Amino acid sequence: MKIEHVSHSSLSALKISPQYFQKYINRELKQEDSRYLDLGSAIHCYILENSTFNDRYIVSDVPVVGGMMGKFVEALVENEKFVNTSVLDGTEDSPEEFVLQNTDHLYQHCYDISGFKTSIATVIKKLDNPEINSYVTLLRNSVNKHILSQDEMETILQCAASASKHAVASTVLNPVEAEPEKEILWTHKDFKIKSIIDNLILDKEKKMVTVTDLKTTSKNPYNFLGSYISYGYYRQIGIYKQAVMAYMTELGLDFAEYDFKTYIVALQTTGLCECVVYEPDNLDLSIAIDEFESLLDRLKWHQDHDHWDYPMEYYNNNGVIKIKLSDEAISRIRENS
């Protein structure tokens, strides 16, 4: 399997299972709710790269069509350009690059993407609905831009306001000399690693480095520990710190001379859109690097042996994976017994 680069996300997939990693790399995993992901990306853009926001997003003045119908009409507008309409009147042959030869083919393609179970004729008839028709027109007039609803834009503004009035978030997210969405390509253990840091401040005068990761959540941001553990956010910020060290070495800077600060800014996309800033403990970052090294070793083993159906332990223990309670679990069991 060809792996161009690894990242925190792909290593998190490997932590689930080698099969999951393989499907992640090959882009075969089912996508999560795109509207929620789009909102998180829009909040990142508005706060970290505000000057590009209007080039990338447009706020709808008509109701945004969601669900399967939303997927259908979005696919419709996106793929209309692949229909060679001249074929329909017989004026010329279709070039090979046109994969959709007529409108019926286009509708079928969009229907397959959307996941509808009702008949395609019923779905096509819905295009006559004035609200849906208006949304299609908006999409056609907003090519290459993401559509946001009025409510989504209001949430974005509330999140931005919440971050701007927070004593720490306002400093680590909006400094003058920051590098937002900083992409660092680096090498470790013969793997190319790609890290995209939400906001990096490299203050050469004060010898201070600040690494900030912005997270959006629909849940209470004060109850963040579960996500911190389950999504491996401690590991992510630890990997980012290593990436910055590699970046500084490339610049000819001695990172040992700098103080490092790492923060996770959690922004709530519901309710009061509250903002909470977390600073991972140094022990967490140490554990993060241990996990990072271990996952790279595991990945190398799977690459070298070309075994991806099961975890490494399966192959090393004749199909059996041993299980054992951790010291923490044992203590918890004894406390509750």
Protein backbone atom coordinates (compact mmCIF):
# COMPACT_ATOMS: atom_id res chain seq x y z
CA MET A 1 0.00 0.00 0.00
CA LYS A 2 1.41 3.38 -1.02
CA ILE A 3 1.51 5.89 1.83
CA GLU A 4 2.47 9.40 0.72
CA HIS A 5 2.50 10.77 4.25
CA VAL A 6 1.06 10.11 7.68
CA SER A 7 -0.69 12.49 10.05
CA HIS A 8 -2.34 12.46 13.45
CA SER A 9 -5.63 11.55 11.75
CA SER A 10 -4.21 8.58 9.85
CA LEU A 11 -2.35 7.33 12.93
CA SER A 12 -5.58 7.58 14.91
CA ALA A 13 -7.15 5.37 12.23
CA LEU A 14 -4.31 2.88 12.67
CA LYS A 15 -4.93 2.88 16.42
CA ILE A 16 -8.45 1.59 15.65
CA SER A 17 -7.21 -1.18 13.33
CA PRO A 18 -4.98 -1.77 10.30
CA GLN A 19 -8.06 -2.29 8.11
CA TYR A 20 -9.46 1.04 9.25
CA PHE A 21 -6.13 2.71 8.47
CA GLN A 22 -6.11 1.15 5.00
CA LYS A 23 -9.60 2.40 4.22
CA TYR A 24 -8.73 5.85 5.61
CA ILE A 25 -5.67 6.12 3.35
CA ASN A 26 -7.70 4.92 0.34
CA ARG A 27 -10.55 7.37 1.17
CA GLU A 28 -13.06 4.54 1.46
CA LEU A 29 -14.56 5.51 4.82
CA LYS A 30 -18.07 6.88 5.04
CA GLN A 31 -18.01 10.62 5.57
CA GLU A 32 -19.44 12.18 8.71
CA ASP A 33 -22.21 14.77 8.63
CA SER A 34 -20.83 17.25 6.10
CA ARG A 35 -22.88 20.19 7.42
CA TYR A 36 -21.30 19.91 10.87
CA LEU A 37 -17.81 19.56 9.38
CA ASP A 38 -18.45 22.54 7.09
CA LEU A 39 -19.50 24.65 10.09
CA GLY A 40 -16.32 23.75 11.99
CA SER A 41 -14.19 24.60 8.95
CA ALA A 42 -16.04 27.90 8.51
CA ILE A 43 -15.40 28.85 12.15
CA HIS A 44 -11.71 28.06 11.68
CA CYS A 45 -11.61 30.20 8.53
CA TYR A 46 -13.49 33.15 10.07
CA ILE A 47 -11.29 33.25 13.17
CA LEU A 48 -7.90 32.25 11.76
CA GLU A 49 -8.03 33.36 8.10
CA ASN A 50 -10.69 36.04 8.11
CA SER A 51 -9.37 37.81 5.02
CA THR A 52 -10.21 34.75 2.89
CA PHE A 53 -13.65 34.07 4.40
CA ASN A 54 -15.72 35.93 1.80
CA ASP A 55 -13.82 34.24 -1.02
CA ARG A 56 -14.63 30.80 0.36
CA TYR A 57 -18.10 31.18 1.89
CA ILE A 58 -21.43 32.80 1.09
CA VAL A 59 -24.41 33.20 3.38
CA SER A 60 -27.63 31.98 1.83
CA ASP A 61 -30.58 34.35 1.52
CA VAL A 62 -32.84 31.33 0.91
CA PRO A 63 -33.37 28.26 3.12
CA VAL A 64 -30.47 25.81 2.83
CA VAL A 65 -31.66 22.40 1.66
CA GLY A 66 -30.22 19.67 3.86
CA GLY A 67 -30.35 15.89 4.08
CA MET A 68 -30.43 13.66 1.02
CA MET A 69 -32.14 16.30 -1.11
CA GLY A 70 -29.37 18.73 -0.22
CA LYS A 71 -26.77 16.18 -1.34
CA PHE A 72 -28.75 15.61 -4.55
CA VAL A 73 -28.95 19.27 -5.59
CA GLU A 74 -25.35 19.98 -4.56
CA ALA A 75 -24.19 17.05 -6.70
CA LEU A 76 -26.47 18.27 -9.49
CA VAL A 77 -24.88 21.72 -9.65
CA GLU A 78 -21.38 20.36 -9.16
CA ASN A 79 -21.71 17.84 -12.01
CA GLU A 80 -23.72 19.84 -14.55
CA LYS A 81 -20.47 20.93 -16.18
CA PHE A 82 -19.73 17.30 -17.05
CA VAL A 83 -22.80 16.98 -19.25
CA ASN A 84 -22.00 17.56 -22.91
CA THR A 85 -25.22 19.30 -23.87
CA SER A 86 -24.18 19.54 -27.51
CA VAL A 87 -24.62 15.77 -27.73
CA LEU A 88 -28.32 16.26 -27.03
CA ASP A 89 -28.92 18.20 -30.24
CA GLY A 90 -26.51 16.01 -32.25
CA THR A 91 -24.15 18.82 -33.23
CA GLU A 92 -20.98 17.02 -32.13
CA ASP A 93 -19.67 13.84 -30.57
CA SER A 94 -19.00 13.66 -26.85
CA PRO A 95 -15.34 14.04 -25.86
CA GLU A 96 -13.99 11.15 -23.82
CA GLU A 97 -13.58 13.29 -20.68
CA PHE A 98 -17.33 13.83 -20.39
CA VAL A 99 -18.59 11.02 -18.16
CA LEU A 100 -22.20 12.25 -18.08
CA GLN A 101 -23.68 12.08 -21.55
CA ASN A 102 -27.15 13.50 -20.91
CA THR A 103 -29.47 14.90 -18.26
CA ASP A 104 -30.91 11.50 -17.36
CA HIS A 105 -27.39 10.23 -16.70
CA LEU A 106 -26.72 13.31 -14.57
CA TYR A 107 -29.86 12.76 -12.48
CA GLN A 108 -29.00 9.09 -11.97
CA HIS A 109 -25.47 9.97 -10.88
CA CYS A 110 -26.73 12.52 -8.32
CA TYR A 111 -29.41 10.09 -7.14
CA ASP A 112 -26.78 7.43 -6.47
CA ILE A 113 -24.66 9.90 -4.49
CA SER A 114 -27.54 11.17 -2.33
CA GLY A 115 -28.60 7.79 -0.94
CA PHE A 116 -32.33 8.13 -1.60
CA LYS A 117 -34.53 5.03 -1.30
CA THR A 118 -37.57 6.62 -2.92
CA SER A 119 -37.86 6.52 -6.71
CA ILE A 120 -35.69 8.80 -8.81
CA ALA A 121 -38.82 10.21 -10.48
CA THR A 122 -40.08 11.41 -7.07
CA VAL A 123 -36.74 13.07 -6.33
CA ILE A 124 -36.61 14.84 -9.69
CA LYS A 125 -40.16 16.13 -9.19
CA LYS A 126 -39.02 17.81 -5.96
CA LEU A 127 -36.86 20.12 -8.09
CA ASP A 128 -40.10 21.95 -9.01
CA ASN A 129 -40.47 23.05 -5.38
CA PRO A 130 -39.86 26.86 -5.32
CA GLU A 131 -37.60 26.72 -2.25
CA ILE A 132 -35.46 23.95 -3.71
CA ASN A 133 -35.40 25.71 -7.06
CA SER A 134 -34.19 28.91 -5.38
CA TYR A 135 -31.46 26.99 -3.57
CA VAL A 136 -30.31 25.42 -6.85
CA THR A 137 -30.11 28.90 -8.38
CA LEU A 138 -28.05 30.10 -5.41
CA LEU A 139 -25.64 27.18 -5.83
CA ARG A 140 -25.25 27.91 -9.53
CA ASN A 141 -24.42 31.54 -8.72
CA SER A 142 -21.96 30.60 -5.98
CA VAL A 143 -19.60 28.20 -7.74
CA ASN A 144 -16.53 27.24 -5.69
CA LYS A 145 -18.03 28.68 -2.50
CA HIS A 146 -19.46 26.87 0.51
CA ILE A 147 -23.04 27.81 1.36
CA LEU A 148 -23.85 28.80 4.94
CA SER A 149 -27.33 29.30 6.37
CA GLN A 150 -28.24 32.44 8.30
CA ASP A 151 -28.27 30.40 11.52
CA GLU A 152 -24.83 28.96 10.79
CA MET A 153 -23.42 32.44 10.17
CA GLU A 154 -24.91 33.63 13.44
CA THR A 155 -23.20 30.72 15.23
CA ILE A 156 -19.89 31.63 13.58
CA LEU A 157 -20.20 35.24 14.73
CA GLN A 158 -21.07 34.18 18.28
CA CYS A 159 -18.11 31.79 18.43
CA ALA A 160 -15.76 34.48 17.12
CA ALA A 161 -17.08 36.99 19.66
CA SER A 162 -16.70 34.48 22.46
CA ALA A 163 -13.08 33.78 21.49
CA SER A 164 -12.24 37.47 21.08
CA LYS A 165 -13.36 38.37 24.61
CA HIS A 166 -11.52 35.44 26.23
CA ALA A 167 -8.28 36.68 27.82
CA VAL A 168 -6.13 33.83 26.46
CA ALA A 169 -7.99 32.76 23.31
CA SER A 170 -7.92 36.30 21.94
CA THR A 171 -4.14 36.32 22.35
CA VAL A 172 -3.25 32.91 20.96
CA LEU A 173 -5.71 32.96 18.03
CA ASN A 174 -5.36 36.49 16.70
CA PRO A 175 -1.81 37.78 17.14
CA VAL A 176 -0.25 39.96 14.46
CA GLU A 177 2.71 37.70 13.71
CA ALA A 178 0.94 34.32 13.80
CA GLU A 179 1.06 31.64 11.13
CA PRO A 180 -2.52 30.31 10.86
CA GLU A 181 -3.14 26.86 9.34
CA LYS A 182 0.61 26.33 9.26
CA GLU A 183 1.43 23.22 7.24
CA ILE A 184 4.65 21.48 8.20
CA LEU A 185 6.02 18.53 6.23
CA TRP A 186 8.69 16.71 8.19
CA THR A 187 10.34 13.32 8.40
CA HIS A 188 10.64 10.95 11.34
CA LYS A 189 11.58 7.26 11.36
CA ASP A 190 11.64 7.32 7.54
CA PHE A 191 8.01 8.47 7.38
CA LYS A 192 6.91 11.74 5.83
CA ILE A 193 4.59 13.42 8.30
CA LYS A 194 2.12 16.18 7.55
CA SER A 195 1.00 18.44 10.39
CA ILE A 196 -1.37 21.38 9.90
CA ILE A 197 -1.25 23.57 13.00
CA ASP A 198 -4.24 25.85 13.52
CA ASN A 199 -2.13 28.70 14.84
CA LEU A 200 1.63 28.92 15.36
CA ILE A 201 3.39 31.85 17.02
CA LEU A 202 7.17 31.76 16.74
CA ASP A 203 8.45 34.75 18.70
CA LYS A 204 12.20 34.87 18.06
CA GLU A 205 12.69 37.98 20.17
CA LYS A 206 11.06 36.57 23.30
CA LYS A 207 12.22 33.01 22.55
CA MET A 208 8.65 31.77 22.88
CA VAL A 209 6.69 29.27 20.77
CA THR A 210 2.91 28.98 21.07
CA VAL A 211 1.09 26.07 19.42
CA THR A 212 -2.70 26.37 19.41
CA ASP A 213 -5.32 23.90 18.22
CA LEU A 214 -8.89 25.13 17.75
CA LYS A 215 -11.67 22.61 18.39
CA THR A 216 -15.39 23.10 17.84
CA THR A 217 -17.85 21.02 19.80
CA SER A 218 -21.62 20.87 20.14
CA LYS A 219 -21.19 19.66 23.74
CA ASN A 220 -20.38 21.48 26.97
CA PRO A 221 -16.78 22.72 26.48
CA TYR A 222 -16.19 22.51 30.24
CA ASN A 223 -16.72 18.75 29.99
CA PHE A 224 -13.91 18.22 27.50
CA LEU A 225 -11.87 15.42 29.06
CA GLY A 226 -13.81 12.65 27.28
CA SER A 227 -13.08 14.12 23.85
CA TYR A 228 -9.50 14.91 24.89
CA ILE A 229 -8.95 11.20 25.56
CA SER A 230 -11.17 9.48 22.98
CA TYR A 231 -10.07 11.62 20.01
CA GLY A 232 -6.44 11.67 21.14
CA TYR A 233 -6.25 15.46 21.25
CA TYR A 234 -3.33 15.20 23.70
CA ARG A 235 -1.50 13.08 21.10
CA GLN A 236 -2.32 15.54 18.34
CA ILE A 237 -0.92 18.54 20.21
CA GLY A 238 2.14 16.48 21.17
CA ILE A 239 2.79 15.62 17.52
CA TYR A 240 2.34 19.29 16.60
CA LYS A 241 5.02 20.25 19.12
CA GLN A 242 7.40 17.74 17.52
CA ALA A 243 6.53 19.14 14.08
CA VAL A 244 7.38 22.67 15.19
CA MET A 245 10.72 21.46 16.57
CA ALA A 246 11.51 19.92 13.18
CA TYR A 247 10.41 23.15 11.46
CA MET A 248 12.65 25.25 13.72
CA THR A 249 15.62 22.98 13.06
CA GLU A 250 15.03 23.47 9.34
CA LEU A 251 15.09 27.25 9.94
CA GLY A 252 18.41 26.91 11.77
CA LEU A 253 16.87 27.69 15.16
CA ASP A 254 17.75 25.84 18.36
CA PHE A 255 14.36 24.88 19.81
CA ALA A 256 16.05 24.06 23.15
CA GLU A 257 16.50 27.81 23.64
CA TYR A 258 12.74 28.43 23.39
CA ASP A 259 9.88 28.06 25.84
CA PHE A 260 6.89 26.17 24.42
CA LYS A 261 3.24 26.77 25.23
CA THR A 262 0.55 24.45 23.89
CA TYR A 263 -3.17 25.23 24.03
CA ILE A 264 -6.44 23.69 22.93
CA VAL A 265 -9.21 26.25 22.42
CA ALA A 266 -12.63 24.59 22.69
CA LEU A 267 -15.52 26.54 21.15
CA GLN A 268 -19.11 25.47 21.67
CA THR A 269 -21.30 25.64 18.54
CA THR A 270 -24.55 25.40 20.51
CA GLY A 271 -26.13 27.19 23.45
CA LEU A 272 -24.05 30.14 24.61
CA CYS A 273 -21.13 29.38 22.26
CA GLU A 274 -18.77 29.42 25.23
CA CYS A 275 -15.00 29.38 24.88
CA VAL A 276 -12.63 27.37 27.10
CA VAL A 277 -8.83 27.24 26.78
CA TYR A 278 -6.98 24.13 27.93
CA GLU A 279 -3.26 23.67 28.47
CA PRO A 280 -2.22 19.99 28.23
CA ASP A 281 -0.10 18.72 31.09
CA ASN A 282 3.56 17.96 30.31
CA LEU A 283 3.00 14.32 31.31
CA ASP A 284 0.21 14.13 28.70
CA LEU A 285 2.59 15.41 26.04
CA SER A 286 5.19 12.86 27.10
CA ILE A 287 2.62 10.06 26.81
CA ALA A 288 1.61 11.52 23.43
CA ILE A 289 5.14 11.15 22.05
CA ASP A 290 5.41 7.59 23.39
CA GLU A 291 2.16 6.73 21.57
CA PHE A 292 3.34 8.51 18.42
CA GLU A 293 6.59 6.53 18.35
CA SER A 294 4.73 3.28 19.05
CA LEU A 295 2.21 3.89 16.25
CA LEU A 296 4.99 4.61 13.76
CA ASP A 297 6.72 1.37 14.78
CA ARG A 298 3.43 -0.48 14.35
CA LEU A 299 2.89 1.09 10.93
CA LYS A 300 6.40 0.10 9.86
CA TRP A 301 5.71 -3.50 10.91
CA HIS A 302 2.52 -3.65 8.82
CA GLN A 303 4.32 -2.11 5.86
CA ASP A 304 7.27 -4.48 6.09
CA HIS A 305 5.06 -7.58 6.39
CA ASP A 306 2.22 -6.30 4.16
CA HIS A 307 -0.36 -7.61 6.65
CA TRP A 308 -3.39 -5.32 7.04
CA ASP A 309 -6.31 -7.57 7.95
CA TYR A 310 -5.54 -7.73 11.68
CA PRO A 311 -3.37 -5.95 14.27
CA MET A 312 0.28 -6.91 14.66
CA GLU A 313 -0.47 -8.95 17.81
CA TYR A 314 -2.76 -11.26 15.84
CA TYR A 315 0.09 -12.34 13.58
CA ASN A 316 2.64 -12.59 16.41
CA ASN A 317 0.38 -14.67 18.71
CA ASN A 318 -1.20 -17.19 16.33
CA GLY A 319 -4.45 -15.29 15.93
CA VAL A 320 -4.97 -14.49 19.63
CA ILE A 321 -4.76 -11.01 21.14
CA LYS A 322 -4.08 -11.04 24.86
CA ILE A 323 -6.06 -8.80 27.19
CA LYS A 324 -5.15 -7.49 30.64
CA LEU A 325 -6.58 -4.96 33.07
CA SER A 326 -4.53 -1.80 33.48
CA ASP A 327 -3.36 -0.74 36.96
CA GLU A 328 -5.87 2.12 36.82
CA ALA A 329 -8.73 -0.25 35.97
CA ILE A 330 -7.73 -2.64 38.76
CA SER A 331 -7.71 0.21 41.28
CA ARG A 332 -11.14 1.37 40.10
CA ILE A 333 -12.57 -2.15 40.37
CA ARG A 334 -11.20 -2.59 43.87
CA GLU A 335 -12.57 0.78 44.96
CA ASN A 336 -16.05 -0.16 43.75
CA SER A 337 -16.06 -3.72 45.13
